[in-house]
């Protein structure tokens, strides 16, 4: 398991947003899944440390089974970590989750990881026969079981949401003795304390507002895990192009399409260009030239004291070729510049 003494690492996350071609025609979900595999291969080639896929069950995202796509990537990549952003644990079976990712760990020679979370959508609850009234207890008990499964030994476990385990084990076991599990948190102290209680690394989903406002959550996590030296990561949206204006002009219509669709479901007002610009200037949207994005990531890393930064590089139906370009710029220009900026502050 990584510790706070390890070098800062960098990831890319996607939910497999349904893309469009140059004429604006939408791709099929099958085409997007193949595109995501190509994007993961490119991320590995340009030196990104982590590639993580979000789980959704709706028609604007193509990825409902991240582990299957990650298995394809295990055969086509060499070094990049293959994980989730997130596994919606509340509506899944932790034993099956662990077995699937133990299998992925074998295929990838020890590169699998899980980020468990509640998810920001609820479609999986009725789809898999769960009651939203059980929202809290489902996640609490299933995280407890997933954390216990990491020992890979016989388990005696009981809860209210499934039959007890009495000496059973999950198979296969891993060659390295356990799969890294992160806990994704949207920004509540109780969720931070829960992750700390299980001594699991924390992934903060910062999708709005200045990143520095999340520093109290990092401090709370550290206070709740004295001596543990567990890493904290951040997941935030962004996009990179040659210049700031190109990046913002390319991203805005797709970002607005995505945000407004979700907003209509949740009662949010439409996103204006001014809203977008404000979020890009100092909020959670890391968009711009490689220099601008690197400067903003370095500032966020310094302000928060984190050990991992994951850029959610797809927001809305952005064409595949632009996503590939942002991956290339992230790996070849942004990451080296962030490392250089941070190294300079230590001198």
C-alpha atoms as a PDB file:
ATOM      1  CA  UNK A   1       0.000   0.000   0.000  1.00  0.00           C
ATOM      2  CA  UNK A   2       1.430   3.439  -0.901  1.00  0.00           C
ATOM      3  CA  UNK A   3       2.336   5.851   1.877  1.00  0.00           C
ATOM      4  CA  UNK A   4       2.613   9.613   2.224  1.00  0.00           C
ATOM      5  CA  UNK A   5       6.371   9.325   1.779  1.00  0.00           C
ATOM      6  CA  UNK A   6       5.976   8.029  -1.773  1.00  0.00           C
ATOM      7  CA  UNK A   7       6.435  10.284  -4.798  1.00  0.00           C
ATOM      8  CA  UNK A   8       3.385  12.119  -6.077  1.00  0.00           C
ATOM      9  CA  UNK A   9       1.540  10.040  -8.667  1.00  0.00           C
ATOM     10  CA  UNK A  10      -0.798  11.049 -11.476  1.00  0.00           C
ATOM     11  CA  UNK A  11      -3.899   9.399 -12.867  1.00  0.00           C
ATOM     12  CA  UNK A  12      -6.546   9.782 -15.538  1.00  0.00           C
ATOM     13  CA  UNK A  13     -10.214   8.932 -14.972  1.00  0.00           C
ATOM     14  CA  UNK A  14     -13.137   8.511 -17.354  1.00  0.00           C
ATOM     15  CA  UNK A  15     -16.749   7.417 -17.162  1.00  0.00           C
ATOM     16  CA  UNK A  16     -16.807   6.568 -20.863  1.00  0.00           C
ATOM     17  CA  UNK A  17     -18.977   9.521 -21.873  1.00  0.00           C
ATOM     18  CA  UNK A  18     -20.718   8.845 -25.185  1.00  0.00           C
ATOM     19  CA  UNK A  19     -18.588  10.734 -27.723  1.00  0.00           C
ATOM     20  CA  UNK A  20     -19.493  12.378 -31.032  1.00  0.00           C
ATOM     21  CA  UNK A  21     -17.640  12.499 -34.333  1.00  0.00           C
ATOM     22  CA  UNK A  22     -16.557  15.626 -36.207  1.00  0.00           C
ATOM     23  CA  UNK A  23     -20.058  16.015 -37.632  1.00  0.00           C
ATOM     24  CA  UNK A  24     -21.683  15.716 -34.202  1.00  0.00           C
ATOM     25  CA  UNK A  25     -23.079  12.204 -34.680  1.00  0.00           C
ATOM     26  CA  UNK A  26     -22.978  10.144 -31.468  1.00  0.00           C
ATOM     27  CA  UNK A  27     -20.870   7.008 -31.254  1.00  0.00           C
ATOM     28  CA  UNK A  28     -22.365   3.723 -30.127  1.00  0.00           C
ATOM     29  CA  UNK A  29     -21.587   2.481 -26.649  1.00  0.00           C
ATOM     30  CA  UNK A  30     -19.524  -0.307 -28.226  1.00  0.00           C
ATOM     31  CA  UNK A  31     -17.434   2.235 -30.123  1.00  0.00           C
ATOM     32  CA  UNK A  32     -16.865   4.265 -26.950  1.00  0.00           C
ATOM     33  CA  UNK A  33     -15.723   1.186 -25.047  1.00  0.00           C
ATOM     34  CA  UNK A  34     -13.141   0.496 -27.757  1.00  0.00           C
ATOM     35  CA  UNK A  35     -12.108   4.151 -27.621  1.00  0.00           C
ATOM     36  CA  UNK A  36     -11.598   3.933 -23.858  1.00  0.00           C
ATOM     37  CA  UNK A  37      -9.265   0.966 -24.355  1.00  0.00           C
ATOM     38  CA  UNK A  38      -7.256   3.015 -26.864  1.00  0.00           C
ATOM     39  CA  UNK A  39      -7.149   5.909 -24.383  1.00  0.00           C
ATOM     40  CA  UNK A  40      -5.857   3.646 -21.630  1.00  0.00           C
ATOM     41  CA  UNK A  41      -3.145   2.318 -23.919  1.00  0.00           C
ATOM     42  CA  UNK A  42      -2.106   5.883 -24.781  1.00  0.00           C
ATOM     43  CA  UNK A  43      -2.023   6.819 -21.080  1.00  0.00           C
ATOM     44  CA  UNK A  44       0.343   3.919 -20.420  1.00  0.00           C
ATOM     45  CA  UNK A  45       2.552   4.929 -23.346  1.00  0.00           C
ATOM     46  CA  UNK A  46       2.976   8.533 -22.172  1.00  0.00           C
ATOM     47  CA  UNK A  47       3.850   7.656 -18.573  1.00  0.00           C
ATOM     48  CA  UNK A  48       0.636   8.226 -16.613  1.00  0.00           C
ATOM     49  CA  UNK A  49       0.632   6.243 -13.350  1.00  0.00           C
ATOM     50  CA  UNK A  50      -3.062   5.320 -12.994  1.00  0.00           C
ATOM     51  CA  UNK A  51      -6.015   4.746 -15.322  1.00  0.00           C
ATOM     52  CA  UNK A  52      -9.404   4.468 -13.635  1.00  0.00           C
ATOM     53  CA  UNK A  53     -12.908   3.860 -14.972  1.00  0.00           C
ATOM     54  CA  UNK A  54     -16.179   4.972 -13.408  1.00  0.00           C
ATOM     55  CA  UNK A  55     -19.224   2.704 -13.191  1.00  0.00           C
ATOM     56  CA  UNK A  56     -22.584   3.993 -14.442  1.00  0.00           C
ATOM     57  CA  UNK A  57     -25.831   2.443 -15.640  1.00  0.00           C
ATOM     58  CA  UNK A  58     -27.326   5.073 -17.961  1.00  0.00           C
ATOM     59  CA  UNK A  59     -27.251   5.915 -21.649  1.00  0.00           C
ATOM     60  CA  UNK A  60     -24.877   8.903 -21.546  1.00  0.00           C
ATOM     61  CA  UNK A  61     -22.011   6.744 -20.251  1.00  0.00           C
ATOM     62  CA  UNK A  62     -20.750   3.520 -21.835  1.00  0.00           C
ATOM     63  CA  UNK A  63     -19.014   1.897 -18.869  1.00  0.00           C
ATOM     64  CA  UNK A  64     -21.123  -0.315 -16.619  1.00  0.00           C
ATOM     65  CA  UNK A  65     -18.524  -3.086 -16.115  1.00  0.00           C
ATOM     66  CA  UNK A  66     -15.142  -1.397 -15.547  1.00  0.00           C
ATOM     67  CA  UNK A  67     -13.333  -4.616 -14.662  1.00  0.00           C
ATOM     68  CA  UNK A  68     -14.048  -6.131 -18.087  1.00  0.00           C
ATOM     69  CA  UNK A  69     -12.538  -3.130 -19.891  1.00  0.00           C
ATOM     70  CA  UNK A  70      -9.625  -3.070 -17.457  1.00  0.00           C
ATOM     71  CA  UNK A  71      -8.964  -6.737 -18.229  1.00  0.00           C
ATOM     72  CA  UNK A  72      -8.621  -5.819 -21.901  1.00  0.00           C
ATOM     73  CA  UNK A  73      -6.193  -3.095 -20.883  1.00  0.00           C
ATOM     74  CA  UNK A  74      -4.200  -5.518 -18.734  1.00  0.00           C
ATOM     75  CA  UNK A  75      -3.260  -7.361 -21.926  1.00  0.00           C
ATOM     76  CA  UNK A  76      -2.271  -4.185 -23.782  1.00  0.00           C
ATOM     77  CA  UNK A  77      -0.431  -2.130 -21.164  1.00  0.00           C
ATOM     78  CA  UNK A  78       2.795  -2.604 -19.250  1.00  0.00           C
ATOM     79  CA  UNK A  79       3.021  -0.459 -16.144  1.00  0.00           C
ATOM     80  CA  UNK A  80      -0.063   1.665 -15.494  1.00  0.00           C
ATOM     81  CA  UNK A  81      -2.308   0.915 -12.511  1.00  0.00           C
ATOM     82  CA  UNK A  82      -5.802  -0.222 -13.531  1.00  0.00           C
ATOM     83  CA  UNK A  83      -8.615   0.779 -11.223  1.00  0.00           C
ATOM     84  CA  UNK A  84     -12.070   2.274 -10.735  1.00  0.00           C
ATOM     85  CA  UNK A  85     -13.489   5.754 -10.284  1.00  0.00           C
ATOM     86  CA  UNK A  86     -15.654   4.462  -8.645  1.00  0.00           C
ATOM     87  CA  UNK A  87     -17.006   0.992  -7.966  1.00  0.00           C
ATOM     88  CA  UNK A  88     -20.566   1.609  -6.742  1.00  0.00           C
ATOM     89  CA  UNK A  89     -20.182  -0.704  -3.787  1.00  0.00           C
ATOM     90  CA  UNK A  90     -23.663  -0.146  -2.344  1.00  0.00           C
ATOM     91  CA  UNK A  91     -25.318  -2.048  -5.208  1.00  0.00           C
ATOM     92  CA  UNK A  92     -22.662  -4.720  -5.729  1.00  0.00           C
ATOM     93  CA  UNK A  93     -21.509  -7.799  -3.842  1.00  0.00           C
ATOM     94  CA  UNK A  94     -18.139  -7.124  -2.152  1.00  0.00           C
ATOM     95  CA  UNK A  95     -17.100 -10.771  -2.494  1.00  0.00           C
ATOM     96  CA  UNK A  96     -17.695 -10.732  -6.239  1.00  0.00           C
ATOM     97  CA  UNK A  97     -15.975  -7.335  -6.499  1.00  0.00           C
ATOM     98  CA  UNK A  98     -12.915  -8.690  -4.743  1.00  0.00           C
ATOM     99  CA  UNK A  99     -12.819 -11.856  -6.848  1.00  0.00           C
ATOM    100  CA  UNK A 100     -13.128  -9.885 -10.103  1.00  0.00           C
ATOM    101  CA  UNK A 101     -10.303  -7.562  -9.158  1.00  0.00           C
ATOM    102  CA  UNK A 102      -8.129 -10.393  -7.857  1.00  0.00           C
ATOM    103  CA  UNK A 103      -8.534 -11.902 -11.318  1.00  0.00           C
ATOM    104  CA  UNK A 104      -7.615  -8.550 -12.898  1.00  0.00           C
ATOM    105  CA  UNK A 105      -4.601  -8.401 -10.582  1.00  0.00           C
ATOM    106  CA  UNK A 106      -3.397 -11.727 -11.964  1.00  0.00           C
ATOM    107  CA  UNK A 107      -3.913 -10.641 -15.576  1.00  0.00           C
ATOM    108  CA  UNK A 108      -2.082  -7.353 -15.000  1.00  0.00           C
ATOM    109  CA  UNK A 109       0.794  -8.733 -12.895  1.00  0.00           C
ATOM    110  CA  UNK A 110      -0.276  -6.861  -9.761  1.00  0.00           C
ATOM    111  CA  UNK A 111      -1.643  -3.591 -11.187  1.00  0.00           C
ATOM    112  CA  UNK A 112      -5.282  -3.735 -10.053  1.00  0.00           C
ATOM    113  CA  UNK A 113      -6.867  -1.422  -7.500  1.00  0.00           C
ATOM    114  CA  UNK A 114     -10.378  -0.536  -6.352  1.00  0.00           C
ATOM    115  CA  UNK A 115     -11.812   2.840  -5.433  1.00  0.00           C
ATOM    116  CA  UNK A 116     -15.061   2.185  -3.616  1.00  0.00           C
ATOM    117  CA  UNK A 117     -17.763   4.798  -3.262  1.00  0.00           C
ATOM    118  CA  UNK A 118     -21.458   5.504  -3.174  1.00  0.00           C
ATOM    119  CA  UNK A 119     -21.463   7.002  -6.673  1.00  0.00           C
ATOM    120  CA  UNK A 120     -23.303  10.188  -7.570  1.00  0.00           C
ATOM    121  CA  UNK A 121     -26.150   8.441  -9.426  1.00  0.00           C
ATOM    122  CA  UNK A 122     -28.793   6.080  -8.088  1.00  0.00           C
ATOM    123  CA  UNK A 123     -29.744   4.071 -11.209  1.00  0.00           C
ATOM    124  CA  UNK A 124     -27.936   0.971  -9.957  1.00  0.00           C
ATOM    125  CA  UNK A 125     -30.215   0.649  -6.904  1.00  0.00           C
ATOM    126  CA  UNK A 126     -33.451  -0.303  -8.693  1.00  0.00           C
ATOM    127  CA  UNK A 127     -31.503  -2.043 -11.456  1.00  0.00           C
ATOM    128  CA  UNK A 128     -29.999  -4.508  -8.988  1.00  0.00           C
ATOM    129  CA  UNK A 129     -32.997  -4.701  -6.679  1.00  0.00           C
ATOM    130  CA  UNK A 130     -31.877  -2.473  -3.811  1.00  0.00           C
ATOM    131  CA  UNK A 131     -34.006  -0.071  -1.807  1.00  0.00           C
ATOM    132  CA  UNK A 132     -32.798   3.541  -1.605  1.00  0.00           C
ATOM    133  CA  UNK A 133     -34.069   3.568   1.954  1.00  0.00           C
ATOM    134  CA  UNK A 134     -31.098   1.311   2.735  1.00  0.00           C
ATOM    135  CA  UNK A 135     -28.597   3.781   1.189  1.00  0.00           C
ATOM    136  CA  UNK A 136     -26.532   4.273   4.358  1.00  0.00           C
ATOM    137  CA  UNK A 137     -26.493   0.740   5.720  1.00  0.00           C
ATOM    138  CA  UNK A 138     -25.701  -0.826   2.342  1.00  0.00           C
ATOM    139  CA  UNK A 139     -22.521   1.191   1.914  1.00  0.00           C
ATOM    140  CA  UNK A 140     -21.457   0.906   5.550  1.00  0.00           C
ATOM    141  CA  UNK A 141     -21.780  -2.870   5.689  1.00  0.00           C
ATOM    142  CA  UNK A 142     -20.390  -3.545   2.230  1.00  0.00           C
ATOM    143  CA  UNK A 143     -17.324  -1.388   2.835  1.00  0.00           C
ATOM    144  CA  UNK A 144     -16.801  -3.260   6.100  1.00  0.00           C
ATOM    145  CA  UNK A 145     -16.874  -6.571   4.229  1.00  0.00           C
ATOM    146  CA  UNK A 146     -14.644  -5.356   1.382  1.00  0.00           C
ATOM    147  CA  UNK A 147     -12.065  -4.122   3.874  1.00  0.00           C
ATOM    148  CA  UNK A 148     -12.130  -7.507   5.615  1.00  0.00           C
ATOM    149  CA  UNK A 149     -11.705  -9.372   2.311  1.00  0.00           C
ATOM    150  CA  UNK A 150      -8.329  -7.696   1.785  1.00  0.00           C
ATOM    151  CA  UNK A 151      -6.811 -10.115   4.304  1.00  0.00           C
ATOM    152  CA  UNK A 152      -7.563 -12.912   1.786  1.00  0.00           C
ATOM    153  CA  UNK A 153      -8.041 -15.371   4.640  1.00  0.00           C
ATOM    154  CA  UNK A 154     -11.097 -17.193   6.015  1.00  0.00           C
ATOM    155  CA  UNK A 155     -13.749 -14.715   7.133  1.00  0.00           C
ATOM    156  CA  UNK A 156     -16.308 -14.702   9.883  1.00  0.00           C
ATOM    157  CA  UNK A 157     -18.536 -11.742   9.090  1.00  0.00           C
ATOM    158  CA  UNK A 158     -22.161 -10.836   9.641  1.00  0.00           C
ATOM    159  CA  UNK A 159     -24.434  -7.941   8.792  1.00  0.00           C
ATOM    160  CA  UNK A 160     -28.016  -7.126   7.944  1.00  0.00           C
ATOM    161  CA  UNK A 161     -27.770  -6.878   4.136  1.00  0.00           C
ATOM    162  CA  UNK A 162     -26.603 -10.405   3.250  1.00  0.00           C
ATOM    163  CA  UNK A 163     -26.074 -13.858   4.755  1.00  0.00           C
ATOM    164  CA  UNK A 164     -23.111 -14.188   7.129  1.00  0.00           C
ATOM    165  CA  UNK A 165     -19.743 -15.649   6.192  1.00  0.00           C
ATOM    166  CA  UNK A 166     -18.503 -18.447   8.434  1.00  0.00           C
ATOM    167  CA  UNK A 167     -14.953 -19.310   7.495  1.00  0.00           C
ATOM    168  CA  UNK A 168     -15.317 -18.785   3.727  1.00  0.00           C
ATOM    169  CA  UNK A 169     -12.672 -17.186   1.520  1.00  0.00           C
ATOM    170  CA  UNK A 170     -12.734 -15.293  -1.769  1.00  0.00           C
ATOM    171  CA  UNK A 171     -10.802 -16.801  -4.677  1.00  0.00           C
ATOM    172  CA  UNK A 172      -8.431 -16.351  -6.374  1.00  0.00           C
ATOM    173  CA  UNK A 173      -6.041 -14.873  -3.867  1.00  0.00           C
ATOM    174  CA  UNK A 174      -3.430 -12.455  -5.152  1.00  0.00           C
ATOM    175  CA  UNK A 175       0.299 -12.968  -5.483  1.00  0.00           C
ATOM    176  CA  UNK A 176       0.972  -9.771  -3.545  1.00  0.00           C
ATOM    177  CA  UNK A 177      -1.367 -10.607  -0.663  1.00  0.00           C
ATOM    178  CA  UNK A 178      -4.127  -8.048  -1.170  1.00  0.00           C
ATOM    179  CA  UNK A 179      -5.598  -5.460  -3.507  1.00  0.00           C
ATOM    180  CA  UNK A 180      -5.249  -1.736  -2.728  1.00  0.00           C
ATOM    181  CA  UNK A 181      -8.647  -0.238  -1.900  1.00  0.00           C
ATOM    182  CA  UNK A 182      -9.291   3.522  -1.815  1.00  0.00           C
ATOM    183  CA  UNK A 183     -12.452   5.148  -0.481  1.00  0.00           C
ATOM    184  CA  UNK A 184     -13.967   7.967  -2.548  1.00  0.00           C
ATOM    185  CA  UNK A 185     -15.429  10.844  -0.553  1.00  0.00           C
ATOM    186  CA  UNK A 186     -17.534  13.708  -1.838  1.00  0.00           C
ATOM    187  CA  UNK A 187     -16.933  16.060   1.040  1.00  0.00           C
ATOM    188  CA  UNK A 188     -18.583  15.098   4.337  1.00  0.00           C
ATOM    189  CA  UNK A 189     -16.646  14.692   7.595  1.00  0.00           C
ATOM    190  CA  UNK A 190     -18.456  11.433   8.393  1.00  0.00           C
ATOM    191  CA  UNK A 191     -17.255   9.871   5.142  1.00  0.00           C
ATOM    192  CA  UNK A 192     -13.689  10.954   5.852  1.00  0.00           C
ATOM    193  CA  UNK A 193     -13.837   9.441   9.331  1.00  0.00           C
ATOM    194  CA  UNK A 194     -15.219   6.190   7.889  1.00  0.00           C
ATOM    195  CA  UNK A 195     -12.296   5.844   5.486  1.00  0.00           C
ATOM    196  CA  UNK A 196      -9.895   6.569   8.338  1.00  0.00           C
ATOM    197  CA  UNK A 197     -11.531   3.946  10.539  1.00  0.00           C
ATOM    198  CA  UNK A 198     -10.698   1.242   8.010  1.00  0.00           C
ATOM    199  CA  UNK A 199      -7.193   2.637   7.408  1.00  0.00           C
ATOM    200  CA  UNK A 200      -7.922   2.917   3.689  1.00  0.00           C
ATOM    201  CA  UNK A 201      -6.458   5.633   1.415  1.00  0.00           C
ATOM    202  CA  UNK A 202      -8.754   8.595   0.767  1.00  0.00           C
ATOM    203  CA  UNK A 203      -9.784   9.867  -2.674  1.00  0.00           C
ATOM    204  CA  UNK A 204     -11.454  13.285  -2.567  1.00  0.00           C
ATOM    205  CA  UNK A 205     -13.847  14.002  -5.439  1.00  0.00           C
ATOM    206  CA  UNK A 206     -13.444  17.748  -5.940  1.00  0.00           C
ATOM    207  CA  UNK A 207     -15.845  18.735  -8.696  1.00  0.00           C
ATOM    208  CA  UNK A 208     -16.763  22.279  -7.716  1.00  0.00           C
ATOM    209  CA  UNK A 209     -15.239  25.233  -5.914  1.00  0.00           C
ATOM    210  CA  UNK A 210     -11.627  26.002  -4.948  1.00  0.00           C
ATOM    211  CA  UNK A 211      -9.666  22.828  -4.126  1.00  0.00           C
ATOM    212  CA  UNK A 212      -8.079  24.470  -1.078  1.00  0.00           C
ATOM    213  CA  UNK A 213     -11.443  24.423   0.710  1.00  0.00           C
ATOM    214  CA  UNK A 214     -10.999  20.653   1.088  1.00  0.00           C
ATOM    215  CA  UNK A 215      -7.906  21.034   3.284  1.00  0.00           C
ATOM    216  CA  UNK A 216      -9.938  20.524   6.504  1.00  0.00           C
ATOM    217  CA  UNK A 217     -10.938  17.072   5.229  1.00  0.00           C
ATOM    218  CA  UNK A 218      -7.297  16.148   4.643  1.00  0.00           C
ATOM    219  CA  UNK A 219      -6.399  17.417   8.111  1.00  0.00           C
ATOM    220  CA  UNK A 220      -9.290  15.470   9.649  1.00  0.00           C
ATOM    221  CA  UNK A 221      -8.152  12.300   7.875  1.00  0.00           C
ATOM    222  CA  UNK A 222      -4.596  12.756   9.122  1.00  0.00           C
ATOM    223  CA  UNK A 223      -5.845  13.370  12.667  1.00  0.00           C
ATOM    224  CA  UNK A 224      -7.922  10.192  12.505  1.00  0.00           C
ATOM    225  CA  UNK A 225      -5.014   8.064  11.177  1.00  0.00           C
ATOM    226  CA  UNK A 226      -2.047   9.022  13.381  1.00  0.00           C
ATOM    227  CA  UNK A 227       1.153   7.293  12.282  1.00  0.00           C
ATOM    228  CA  UNK A 228      -0.551   5.437   9.444  1.00  0.00           C
ATOM    229  CA  UNK A 229       1.014   7.522   6.619  1.00  0.00           C
ATOM    230  CA  UNK A 230      -1.773   6.692   4.185  1.00  0.00           C
ATOM    231  CA  UNK A 231      -2.020   8.610   0.896  1.00  0.00           C
ATOM    232  CA  UNK A 232      -4.717  11.089  -0.027  1.00  0.00           C
ATOM    233  CA  UNK A 233      -5.695  11.659  -3.646  1.00  0.00           C
ATOM    234  CA  UNK A 234      -7.873  14.106  -5.551  1.00  0.00           C
ATOM    235  CA  UNK A 235     -10.156  13.448  -8.527  1.00  0.00           C
ATOM    236  CA  UNK A 236     -11.132  16.559 -10.503  1.00  0.00           C
ATOM    237  CA  UNK A 237     -12.350  17.300 -14.039  1.00  0.00           C
ATOM    238  CA  UNK A 238     -10.228  18.988 -16.668  1.00  0.00           C
ATOM    239  CA  UNK A 239      -9.093  19.243 -20.259  1.00  0.00           C
ATOM    240  CA  UNK A 240      -5.843  20.262 -21.976  1.00  0.00           C
ATOM    241  CA  UNK A 241      -5.106  21.824 -25.356  1.00  0.00           C
ATOM    242  CA  UNK A 242      -2.299  23.903 -26.842  1.00  0.00           C
ATOM    243  CA  UNK A 243      -3.570  27.204 -25.404  1.00  0.00           C
ATOM    244  CA  UNK A 244      -5.932  28.320 -22.677  1.00  0.00           C
ATOM    245  CA  UNK A 245      -8.435  29.758 -25.137  1.00  0.00           C
ATOM    246  CA  UNK A 246      -8.446  26.647 -27.320  1.00  0.00           C
ATOM    247  CA  UNK A 247      -8.964  24.376 -24.314  1.00  0.00           C
ATOM    248  CA  UNK A 248     -11.832  26.449 -22.927  1.00  0.00           C
ATOM    249  CA  UNK A 249     -13.540  26.943 -26.276  1.00  0.00           C
ATOM    250  CA  UNK A 250     -13.308  23.241 -27.111  1.00  0.00           C
ATOM    251  CA  UNK A 251     -14.508  22.035 -23.731  1.00  0.00           C
ATOM    252  CA  UNK A 252     -17.329  24.430 -22.917  1.00  0.00           C
ATOM    253  CA  UNK A 253     -20.108  23.117 -25.212  1.00  0.00           C
ATOM    254  CA  UNK A 254     -19.472  19.498 -24.184  1.00  0.00           C
ATOM    255  CA  UNK A 255     -19.110  20.397 -20.512  1.00  0.00           C
ATOM    256  CA  UNK A 256     -22.393  22.346 -20.689  1.00  0.00           C
ATOM    257  CA  UNK A 257     -24.150  19.475 -22.471  1.00  0.00           C
ATOM    258  CA  UNK A 258     -23.149  17.060 -19.714  1.00  0.00           C
ATOM    259  CA  UNK A 259     -23.806  19.374 -16.761  1.00  0.00           C
ATOM    260  CA  UNK A 260     -27.137  20.643 -18.067  1.00  0.00           C
ATOM    261  CA  UNK A 261     -28.446  17.134 -18.681  1.00  0.00           C
ATOM    262  CA  UNK A 262     -27.625  16.136 -15.114  1.00  0.00           C
ATOM    263  CA  UNK A 263     -28.931  19.486 -13.906  1.00  0.00           C
ATOM    264  CA  UNK A 264     -32.322  18.903 -15.497  1.00  0.00           C
ATOM    265  CA  UNK A 265     -32.566  15.659 -13.544  1.00  0.00           C
ATOM    266  CA  UNK A 266     -31.569  17.294 -10.267  1.00  0.00           C
ATOM    267  CA  UNK A 267     -33.160  20.720 -10.539  1.00  0.00           C
ATOM    268  CA  UNK A 268     -29.967  22.714 -11.183  1.00  0.00           C
ATOM    269  CA  UNK A 269     -29.995  25.836 -13.380  1.00  0.00           C
ATOM    270  CA  UNK A 270     -28.210  25.705 -16.759  1.00  0.00           C
ATOM    271  CA  UNK A 271     -24.462  26.370 -16.703  1.00  0.00           C
ATOM    272  CA  UNK A 272     -23.487  29.696 -18.245  1.00  0.00           C
ATOM    273  CA  UNK A 273     -20.180  30.535 -19.873  1.00  0.00           C
ATOM    274  CA  UNK A 274     -19.474  32.817 -16.898  1.00  0.00           C
ATOM    275  CA  UNK A 275     -20.035  29.895 -14.494  1.00  0.00           C
ATOM    276  CA  UNK A 276     -17.671  27.778 -16.558  1.00  0.00           C
ATOM    277  CA  UNK A 277     -14.986  30.491 -16.682  1.00  0.00           C
ATOM    278  CA  UNK A 278     -15.160  31.014 -12.925  1.00  0.00           C
ATOM    279  CA  UNK A 279     -14.695  27.291 -12.282  1.00  0.00           C
ATOM    280  CA  UNK A 280     -11.789  27.213 -14.754  1.00  0.00           C
ATOM    281  CA  UNK A 281     -10.135  30.291 -13.207  1.00  0.00           C
ATOM    282  CA  UNK A 282      -9.980  29.120  -9.622  1.00  0.00           C
ATOM    283  CA  UNK A 283     -12.358  26.250  -9.041  1.00  0.00           C
ATOM    284  CA  UNK A 284     -12.211  22.516  -9.562  1.00  0.00           C
ATOM    285  CA  UNK A 285     -12.012  22.584 -13.376  1.00  0.00           C
ATOM    286  CA  UNK A 286      -8.400  22.097 -14.478  1.00  0.00           C
ATOM    287  CA  UNK A 287      -8.658  23.336 -18.059  1.00  0.00           C
ATOM    288  CA  UNK A 288      -6.132  25.158 -20.233  1.00  0.00           C
ATOM    289  CA  UNK A 289      -2.702  24.877 -21.763  1.00  0.00           C
ATOM    290  CA  UNK A 290      -0.202  22.385 -20.320  1.00  0.00           C
ATOM    291  CA  UNK A 291       1.476  25.227 -18.452  1.00  0.00           C
ATOM    292  CA  UNK A 292      -1.763  26.510 -16.929  1.00  0.00           C
ATOM    293  CA  UNK A 293      -3.019  23.071 -15.918  1.00  0.00           C
ATOM    294  CA  UNK A 294       0.354  22.125 -14.442  1.00  0.00           C
ATOM    295  CA  UNK A 295       0.515  25.345 -12.442  1.00  0.00           C
ATOM    296  CA  UNK A 296      -2.977  24.769 -11.059  1.00  0.00           C
ATOM    297  CA  UNK A 297      -2.280  21.118 -10.177  1.00  0.00           C
ATOM    298  CA  UNK A 298       0.946  22.077  -8.398  1.00  0.00           C
ATOM    299  CA  UNK A 299      -0.946  24.722  -6.431  1.00  0.00           C
ATOM    300  CA  UNK A 300      -3.655  22.216  -5.446  1.00  0.00           C
ATOM    301  CA  UNK A 301      -1.099  19.595  -4.408  1.00  0.00           C
ATOM    302  CA  UNK A 302       0.691  22.169  -2.247  1.00  0.00           C
ATOM    303  CA  UNK A 303      -2.499  23.536  -0.709  1.00  0.00           C
ATOM    304  CA  UNK A 304      -3.899  20.117   0.151  1.00  0.00           C
ATOM    305  CA  UNK A 305      -0.776  18.086   0.904  1.00  0.00           C
ATOM    306  CA  UNK A 306      -1.913  15.196  -1.299  1.00  0.00           C
ATOM    307  CA  UNK A 307       0.007  12.280  -2.792  1.00  0.00           C
ATOM    308  CA  UNK A 308      -2.035  11.620  -5.961  1.00  0.00           C
ATOM    309  CA  UNK A 309      -3.860  13.711  -8.533  1.00  0.00           C
ATOM    310  CA  UNK A 310      -6.345  12.160 -10.983  1.00  0.00           C
ATOM    311  CA  UNK A 311      -7.677  14.229 -13.873  1.00  0.00           C
ATOM    312  CA  UNK A 312     -11.148  13.270 -15.097  1.00  0.00           C
ATOM    313  CA  UNK A 313     -10.326  13.987 -18.707  1.00  0.00           C
ATOM    314  CA  UNK A 314     -13.752  13.410 -20.323  1.00  0.00           C
ATOM    315  CA  UNK A 315     -16.722  15.673 -19.607  1.00  0.00           C
ATOM    316  CA  UNK A 316     -19.593  15.263 -22.019  1.00  0.00           C
ATOM    317  CA  UNK A 317     -19.560  14.069 -25.650  1.00  0.00           C
ATOM    318  CA  UNK A 318     -16.060  15.315 -26.528  1.00  0.00           C
ATOM    319  CA  UNK A 319     -14.713  13.663 -29.725  1.00  0.00           C
ATOM    320  CA  UNK A 320     -12.238  10.844 -29.164  1.00  0.00           C
ATOM    321  CA  UNK A 321      -9.351  12.574 -30.943  1.00  0.00           C
ATOM    322  CA  UNK A 322      -9.472  15.503 -28.498  1.00  0.00           C
ATOM    323  CA  UNK A 323      -9.425  13.082 -25.567  1.00  0.00           C
ATOM    324  CA  UNK A 324      -6.355  11.344 -26.966  1.00  0.00           C
ATOM    325  CA  UNK A 325      -4.628  14.712 -27.349  1.00  0.00           C
ATOM    326  CA  UNK A 326      -5.365  15.750 -23.770  1.00  0.00           C
ATOM    327  CA  UNK A 327      -3.958  12.403 -22.560  1.00  0.00           C
ATOM    328  CA  UNK A 328      -0.762  12.995 -24.534  1.00  0.00           C
ATOM    329  CA  UNK A 329      -0.327  16.532 -23.202  1.00  0.00           C
ATOM    330  CA  UNK A 330      -1.025  15.386 -19.642  1.00  0.00           C
ATOM    331  CA  UNK A 331       1.614  12.673 -19.774  1.00  0.00           C
ATOM    332  CA  UNK A 332       4.313  14.405 -21.793  1.00  0.00           C
ATOM    333  CA  UNK A 333       4.007  18.017 -20.640  1.00  0.00           C
ATOM    334  CA  UNK A 334       1.792  18.486 -17.586  1.00  0.00           C
ATOM    335  CA  UNK A 335       3.176  15.762 -15.325  1.00  0.00           C
ATOM    336  CA  UNK A 336       6.857  16.660 -15.885  1.00  0.00           C
ATOM    337  CA  UNK A 337       6.092  20.345 -15.293  1.00  0.00           C
ATOM    338  CA  UNK A 338       4.223  19.646 -12.041  1.00  0.00           C
ATOM    339  CA  UNK A 339       7.130  17.560 -10.787  1.00  0.00           C
ATOM    340  CA  UNK A 340       9.560  20.339 -11.703  1.00  0.00           C
ATOM    341  CA  UNK A 341       7.466  23.020 -10.022  1.00  0.00           C
ATOM    342  CA  UNK A 342       7.139  21.027  -6.819  1.00  0.00           C
ATOM    343  CA  UNK A 343      10.828  20.121  -6.783  1.00  0.00           C
ATOM    344  CA  UNK A 344      11.704  23.817  -7.057  1.00  0.00           C
ATOM    345  CA  UNK A 345       9.651  24.625  -3.958  1.00  0.00           C
ATOM    346  CA  UNK A 346      11.631  22.100  -1.923  1.00  0.00           C
ATOM    347  CA  UNK A 347      15.028  23.650  -2.711  1.00  0.00           C
END
